[in-house]
Amino acid sequence: MPKGRPGGNPDIAKYGFKPKHDWGESCTERMQIRMPPSMKAAIKAGLIKDWQEVARRAIAEEIERAQSPEENN
């Protein structure tokens, strides 16, 4: 027996998944980092909203710096 509403949701575009950030490629890979307990507690307490994106952007900036020609001389 089929599940769901016959004909689907006509408003799927309104409620469907929308990515929060545009990276040009999907963020599917995972890594772990070690940090002091106080840093983890601050993140868990909500002091940084969307901390994963903050970390991705910080890492992307460091990669750009490492790849820039002026830095490598």
Protein backbone atom coordinates (compact mmCIF):
# COMPACT_ATOMS: atom_id res chain seq x y z
CA MET A 1 0.00 0.00 0.00
CA PRO A 2 1.50 3.41 -0.96
CA LYS A 3 2.33 5.83 1.83
CA GLY A 4 1.97 9.57 1.83
CA ARG A 5 -0.41 11.90 0.12
CA PRO A 6 -1.64 10.92 -3.35
CA GLY A 7 -0.10 13.26 -5.92
CA GLY A 8 2.67 14.37 -3.58
CA ASN A 9 3.07 17.74 -1.90
CA PRO A 10 2.21 20.59 -4.28
CA ASP A 11 4.23 22.99 -2.09
CA ILE A 12 7.41 20.88 -2.02
CA ALA A 13 9.51 23.80 -3.30
CA LYS A 14 8.37 25.83 -0.31
CA TYR A 15 9.22 23.15 2.27
CA GLY A 16 11.96 21.14 0.54
CA PHE A 17 15.61 21.04 1.61
CA LYS A 18 17.57 24.22 0.98
CA PRO A 19 21.31 24.32 1.69
CA LYS A 20 22.35 26.99 4.18
CA HIS A 21 25.65 27.80 2.51
CA ASP A 22 26.99 27.65 -1.02
CA TRP A 23 30.30 25.79 -1.11
CA GLY A 24 30.25 24.73 -4.74
CA GLU A 25 30.48 21.12 -3.64
CA SER A 26 28.66 19.11 -1.01
CA CYS A 27 30.05 18.92 2.52
CA THR A 28 30.06 15.15 2.92
CA GLU A 29 33.48 14.45 4.42
CA ARG A 30 34.02 14.30 8.18
CA MET A 31 37.04 15.06 10.37
CA GLN A 32 37.56 15.22 14.11
CA ILE A 33 39.51 17.83 16.03
CA ARG A 34 40.77 17.96 19.57
CA MET A 35 40.08 21.06 21.66
CA PRO A 36 40.22 22.09 25.30
CA PRO A 37 37.17 21.18 27.41
CA SER A 38 36.40 24.87 27.98
CA MET A 39 36.18 25.47 24.23
CA LYS A 40 33.80 22.55 23.78
CA ALA A 41 31.68 23.76 26.70
CA ALA A 42 31.41 27.23 25.15
CA ILE A 43 30.31 25.76 21.81
CA LYS A 44 27.79 23.46 23.52
CA ALA A 45 26.47 26.46 25.50
CA GLY A 46 25.62 28.13 22.19
CA LEU A 47 28.16 30.96 22.26
CA ILE A 48 28.89 30.41 18.55
CA LYS A 49 25.88 30.01 16.29
CA ASP A 50 26.48 27.59 13.41
CA TRP A 51 29.94 26.71 14.71
CA GLN A 52 30.44 24.08 12.00
CA GLU A 53 30.24 26.75 9.30
CA VAL A 54 32.58 29.01 11.31
CA ALA A 55 35.12 26.17 11.40
CA ARG A 56 34.71 25.42 7.66
CA ARG A 57 35.28 29.08 6.75
CA ALA A 58 38.35 29.36 9.01
CA ILE A 59 39.88 26.25 7.45
CA ALA A 60 39.06 27.50 3.93
CA GLU A 61 40.82 30.82 4.69
CA GLU A 62 43.93 28.99 5.91
CA ILE A 63 43.96 26.82 2.78
CA GLU A 64 43.72 29.93 0.58
CA ARG A 65 46.61 31.54 2.48
CA ALA A 66 48.73 28.40 2.15
CA GLN A 67 48.06 28.24 -1.60
CA SER A 68 48.70 31.91 -2.33
CA PRO A 69 51.93 32.57 -4.28
CA GLU A 70 53.14 35.38 -1.98
CA GLU A 71 52.96 33.13 1.05
CA ASN A 72 54.96 30.31 -0.54
CA ASN A 73 58.04 32.43 -1.38
